Every structure is written in structure tokens, then in C-alpha cells.
């Protein structure tokens, strides 16, 4: 996928990624990457994607962010972007 093309990556919402989210965060910390996931109640009320994943540091060249309407969508997108950035997340 080319950067800046405005296309959304295909995310497998049935992969169970939300079940390993804490393991992913712990693994990222071990790679010297600071990361977090959060939910924004105001965005949820407004019908916008309320889940946000953010990471920076370590081998990442700058920070990255992924948003989604569910934990699965948010983390699926985040994992795709982390892998595109060269991090082989083992989950």
C-alpha cells in the first residue's frame, strides 16, 4: 500500500487481535517502543472511531497512530503499520 493514497488497509476483524493487545504492548516495550491504546468517550458518543493506538521510539522512525471503531479494528491497523515500519510483531 502506498503512503498517502488515502486507502484503508484490510484488517481481519476476526483474528482475535484484541485478545493479545496487552502482549503486543509488552513486547513493544521490550523493543524500546513506547505504546498505548485508549478509548475516547466523546468520539464514541459522536459516532467517530473511538479507539486509538499510538507508538513511538525504538526502531520506529517517528511516531505512528492508528484509529478504529473497535479494539480489533484499531489493533489490526496498528499491527499492519508496525510491520510496514519494519517491526516484526510476533502476534
N, C-alpha and C. Protein backbone atom coordinates (compact mmCIF):
# COMPACT_ATOMS: atom_id res chain seq x y z
N UNK A 1 0.84 -1.17 0.00
CA UNK A 1 0.00 0.00 0.00
C UNK A 1 0.89 1.24 0.00
N UNK A 2 0.64 2.13 -0.88
CA UNK A 2 1.42 3.36 -0.98
C UNK A 2 0.99 4.34 0.10
N UNK A 3 1.96 5.01 0.67
CA UNK A 3 1.64 6.01 1.69
C UNK A 3 0.94 7.19 1.05
N UNK A 4 -0.01 7.77 1.78
CA UNK A 4 -0.66 8.98 1.33
C UNK A 4 -1.71 8.76 0.25
N UNK A 5 -2.07 7.52 -0.02
CA UNK A 5 -3.06 7.26 -1.06
C UNK A 5 -4.48 7.31 -0.52
N UNK A 6 -4.64 7.45 0.79
CA UNK A 6 -5.97 7.54 1.36
C UNK A 6 -6.71 6.21 1.43
N UNK A 7 -6.03 5.13 1.18
CA UNK A 7 -6.66 3.82 1.24
C UNK A 7 -6.53 3.25 2.63
N UNK A 8 -7.55 2.55 3.06
CA UNK A 8 -7.52 1.91 4.37
C UNK A 8 -7.02 0.48 4.19
N UNK A 9 -6.11 0.02 5.04
CA UNK A 9 -5.63 -1.35 4.92
C UNK A 9 -6.74 -2.34 5.27
N UNK A 10 -6.67 -3.52 4.70
CA UNK A 10 -7.63 -4.57 5.01
C UNK A 10 -7.24 -5.17 6.36
N UNK A 11 -8.17 -5.19 7.28
CA UNK A 11 -7.92 -5.70 8.62
C UNK A 11 -8.85 -6.87 8.87
N UNK A 12 -8.29 -7.97 9.40
CA UNK A 12 -9.08 -9.14 9.74
C UNK A 12 -9.67 -8.94 11.13
N UNK A 13 -10.95 -8.58 11.19
CA UNK A 13 -11.59 -8.29 12.48
C UNK A 13 -11.88 -9.55 13.29
N UNK A 14 -11.72 -10.72 12.69
CA UNK A 14 -11.96 -11.98 13.39
C UNK A 14 -10.67 -12.65 13.83
N UNK A 15 -9.55 -11.95 13.80
CA UNK A 15 -8.26 -12.55 14.10
C UNK A 15 -8.02 -12.74 15.59
N UNK A 16 -8.81 -12.09 16.44
CA UNK A 16 -8.60 -12.20 17.89
C UNK A 16 -7.50 -11.28 18.39
N UNK A 17 -7.12 -10.28 17.59
CA UNK A 17 -6.03 -9.39 17.97
C UNK A 17 -6.30 -8.69 19.30
N UNK A 18 -7.57 -8.42 19.60
CA UNK A 18 -7.86 -7.74 20.87
C UNK A 18 -7.48 -8.61 22.07
N UNK A 19 -7.41 -9.93 21.87
CA UNK A 19 -7.03 -10.83 22.95
C UNK A 19 -5.54 -10.75 23.28
N UNK A 20 -4.72 -10.30 22.35
CA UNK A 20 -3.27 -10.22 22.58
C UNK A 20 -2.76 -8.79 22.67
N UNK A 21 -3.66 -7.84 22.79
CA UNK A 21 -3.25 -6.43 22.81
C UNK A 21 -2.25 -6.13 23.92
N UNK A 22 -2.48 -6.63 25.12
CA UNK A 22 -1.54 -6.36 26.21
C UNK A 22 -0.19 -7.02 25.96
N UNK A 23 -0.19 -8.20 25.35
CA UNK A 23 1.07 -8.85 24.99
C UNK A 23 1.83 -8.05 23.94
N UNK A 24 1.10 -7.49 22.99
CA UNK A 24 1.72 -6.64 21.97
C UNK A 24 2.35 -5.41 22.63
N UNK A 25 1.62 -4.76 23.53
CA UNK A 25 2.16 -3.58 24.22
C UNK A 25 3.41 -3.95 25.02
N UNK A 26 3.38 -5.08 25.72
CA UNK A 26 4.55 -5.51 26.50
C UNK A 26 5.74 -5.79 25.57
N UNK A 27 5.51 -6.48 24.45
CA UNK A 27 6.58 -6.77 23.51
C UNK A 27 7.17 -5.48 22.95
N UNK A 28 6.31 -4.52 22.61
CA UNK A 28 6.80 -3.24 22.10
C UNK A 28 7.69 -2.55 23.13
N UNK A 29 7.27 -2.59 24.40
CA UNK A 29 8.10 -2.00 25.45
C UNK A 29 9.48 -2.64 25.52
N UNK A 30 9.53 -3.95 25.31
CA UNK A 30 10.81 -4.66 25.30
C UNK A 30 11.68 -4.25 24.12
N UNK A 31 11.08 -3.69 23.08
CA UNK A 31 11.81 -3.21 21.90
C UNK A 31 12.14 -1.72 22.02
N UNK A 32 11.97 -1.16 23.22
CA UNK A 32 12.18 0.28 23.47
C UNK A 32 11.19 1.17 22.74
N UNK A 33 10.00 0.64 22.46
CA UNK A 33 8.93 1.41 21.83
C UNK A 33 7.90 1.73 22.91
N UNK A 34 7.62 3.00 23.11
CA UNK A 34 6.54 3.41 23.99
C UNK A 34 5.23 3.31 23.23
N UNK A 35 4.23 2.67 23.82
CA UNK A 35 2.96 2.47 23.11
C UNK A 35 1.79 2.53 24.08
N UNK A 36 0.63 2.89 23.54
CA UNK A 36 -0.59 2.94 24.35
C UNK A 36 -1.80 2.70 23.46
N UNK A 37 -2.88 2.28 24.10
CA UNK A 37 -4.18 2.20 23.43
C UNK A 37 -5.17 2.89 24.35
N UNK A 38 -6.09 3.64 23.76
CA UNK A 38 -7.07 4.37 24.58
C UNK A 38 -8.40 4.43 23.86
N UNK A 39 -9.43 4.68 24.65
CA UNK A 39 -10.76 4.89 24.09
C UNK A 39 -11.21 6.29 24.48
N UNK A 40 -11.83 7.00 23.54
CA UNK A 40 -12.28 8.37 23.75
C UNK A 40 -13.81 8.37 23.78
N UNK A 41 -14.37 8.58 24.96
CA UNK A 41 -15.82 8.53 25.13
C UNK A 41 -16.54 9.58 24.29
N UNK A 42 -15.95 10.75 24.15
CA UNK A 42 -16.58 11.81 23.36
C UNK A 42 -16.68 11.41 21.89
N UNK A 43 -15.59 10.86 21.35
CA UNK A 43 -15.63 10.39 19.95
C UNK A 43 -16.63 9.24 19.80
N UNK A 44 -16.72 8.39 20.82
CA UNK A 44 -17.68 7.29 20.77
C UNK A 44 -19.11 7.83 20.71
N UNK A 45 -19.41 8.83 21.55
CA UNK A 45 -20.74 9.46 21.54
C UNK A 45 -21.07 10.10 20.20
N UNK A 46 -20.03 10.65 19.55
CA UNK A 46 -20.23 11.33 18.27
C UNK A 46 -20.22 10.37 17.08
N UNK A 47 -20.10 9.07 17.34
CA UNK A 47 -20.11 8.08 16.28
C UNK A 47 -18.83 8.03 15.46
N UNK A 48 -17.74 8.54 16.02
CA UNK A 48 -16.44 8.52 15.34
C UNK A 48 -15.62 7.35 15.88
N UNK A 49 -14.57 6.92 15.14
CA UNK A 49 -13.70 5.86 15.66
C UNK A 49 -13.11 6.27 17.00
N UNK A 50 -13.47 5.55 18.05
CA UNK A 50 -13.13 5.96 19.40
C UNK A 50 -11.83 5.36 19.93
N UNK A 51 -11.31 4.32 19.29
CA UNK A 51 -10.11 3.65 19.78
C UNK A 51 -8.88 4.20 19.06
N UNK A 52 -7.82 4.46 19.83
CA UNK A 52 -6.57 4.99 19.27
C UNK A 52 -5.40 4.20 19.82
N UNK A 53 -4.50 3.79 18.94
CA UNK A 53 -3.22 3.20 19.31
C UNK A 53 -2.15 4.19 18.88
N UNK A 54 -1.17 4.43 19.74
CA UNK A 54 -0.07 5.32 19.41
C UNK A 54 1.23 4.69 19.88
N UNK A 55 2.29 4.86 19.10
CA UNK A 55 3.60 4.31 19.45
C UNK A 55 4.69 5.21 18.92
N UNK A 56 5.83 5.23 19.63
CA UNK A 56 6.99 5.98 19.17
C UNK A 56 8.23 5.44 19.88
N UNK A 57 9.37 5.79 19.32
CA UNK A 57 10.64 5.41 19.92
C UNK A 57 11.20 4.11 19.36
N UNK A 58 12.32 3.69 19.94
CA UNK A 58 12.96 2.47 19.49
C UNK A 58 13.26 2.51 18.01
N UNK A 59 12.98 1.43 17.31
CA UNK A 59 13.29 1.36 15.89
C UNK A 59 12.30 2.11 14.98
N UNK A 60 11.24 2.67 15.56
CA UNK A 60 10.28 3.42 14.74
C UNK A 60 10.89 4.75 14.34
N UNK A 61 10.77 5.09 13.08
CA UNK A 61 11.25 6.38 12.58
C UNK A 61 10.12 7.38 12.76
N UNK A 62 10.10 8.05 13.90
CA UNK A 62 8.99 8.94 14.23
C UNK A 62 7.87 8.16 14.88
N UNK A 63 6.80 8.82 15.21
CA UNK A 63 5.67 8.17 15.85
C UNK A 63 4.67 7.63 14.84
N UNK A 64 3.76 6.81 15.32
CA UNK A 64 2.70 6.30 14.48
C UNK A 64 1.41 6.23 15.29
N UNK A 65 0.30 6.28 14.58
CA UNK A 65 -1.01 6.26 15.20
C UNK A 65 -1.96 5.44 14.33
N UNK A 66 -2.87 4.74 14.99
CA UNK A 66 -3.92 4.01 14.28
C UNK A 66 -5.22 4.20 15.04
N UNK A 67 -6.31 4.44 14.32
CA UNK A 67 -7.62 4.62 14.92
C UNK A 67 -8.57 3.55 14.41
N UNK A 68 -9.59 3.25 15.21
CA UNK A 68 -10.58 2.28 14.77
C UNK A 68 -11.85 2.39 15.58
N UNK A 69 -12.92 1.83 15.03
CA UNK A 69 -14.21 1.85 15.70
C UNK A 69 -14.30 0.79 16.79
N UNK A 70 -13.38 -0.19 16.76
CA UNK A 70 -13.34 -1.24 17.77
C UNK A 70 -11.88 -1.51 18.11
N UNK A 71 -11.65 -2.24 19.20
CA UNK A 71 -10.28 -2.61 19.56
C UNK A 71 -9.67 -3.44 18.43
N UNK A 72 -10.45 -4.37 17.89
CA UNK A 72 -9.94 -5.24 16.83
C UNK A 72 -9.52 -4.43 15.60
N UNK A 73 -10.35 -3.48 15.19
CA UNK A 73 -10.01 -2.66 14.02
C UNK A 73 -8.79 -1.80 14.29
N UNK A 74 -8.75 -1.19 15.46
CA UNK A 74 -7.63 -0.33 15.83
C UNK A 74 -6.32 -1.11 15.88
N UNK A 75 -6.30 -2.22 16.59
CA UNK A 75 -5.08 -3.01 16.73
C UNK A 75 -4.70 -3.72 15.44
N UNK A 76 -5.68 -4.14 14.66
CA UNK A 76 -5.35 -4.74 13.37
C UNK A 76 -4.63 -3.76 12.47
N UNK A 77 -5.13 -2.53 12.42
CA UNK A 77 -4.48 -1.48 11.64
C UNK A 77 -3.10 -1.16 12.21
N UNK A 78 -3.01 -1.09 13.54
CA UNK A 78 -1.73 -0.80 14.18
C UNK A 78 -0.69 -1.86 13.84
N UNK A 79 -1.08 -3.13 13.89
CA UNK A 79 -0.13 -4.19 13.57
C UNK A 79 0.34 -4.11 12.12
N UNK A 80 -0.56 -3.80 11.21
CA UNK A 80 -0.16 -3.63 9.81
C UNK A 80 0.86 -2.50 9.67
N UNK A 81 0.60 -1.39 10.32
CA UNK A 81 1.50 -0.23 10.21
C UNK A 81 2.84 -0.50 10.89
N UNK A 82 2.82 -1.21 12.03
CA UNK A 82 4.08 -1.56 12.70
C UNK A 82 4.92 -2.46 11.80
N UNK A 83 4.28 -3.41 11.15
CA UNK A 83 5.01 -4.32 10.25
C UNK A 83 5.54 -3.55 9.03
N UNK A 84 4.76 -2.61 8.52
CA UNK A 84 5.24 -1.78 7.41
C UNK A 84 6.45 -0.95 7.83
N UNK A 85 6.52 -0.60 9.12
CA UNK A 85 7.65 0.18 9.64
C UNK A 85 8.85 -0.69 9.97
N UNK A 86 8.72 -2.01 9.77
CA UNK A 86 9.86 -2.90 9.97
C UNK A 86 9.88 -3.65 11.28
N UNK A 87 8.84 -3.52 12.10
CA UNK A 87 8.77 -4.26 13.36
C UNK A 87 8.00 -5.56 13.13
N UNK A 88 8.65 -6.68 13.34
CA UNK A 88 8.01 -7.99 13.14
C UNK A 88 7.33 -8.40 14.44
N UNK A 89 6.18 -7.86 14.70
CA UNK A 89 5.42 -8.16 15.93
C UNK A 89 5.02 -9.63 15.87
N UNK A 90 5.40 -10.42 16.89
CA UNK A 90 5.19 -11.88 16.82
C UNK A 90 3.79 -12.34 17.19
N UNK A 91 2.80 -11.51 17.07
CA UNK A 91 1.44 -11.92 17.44
C UNK A 91 0.51 -11.75 16.25
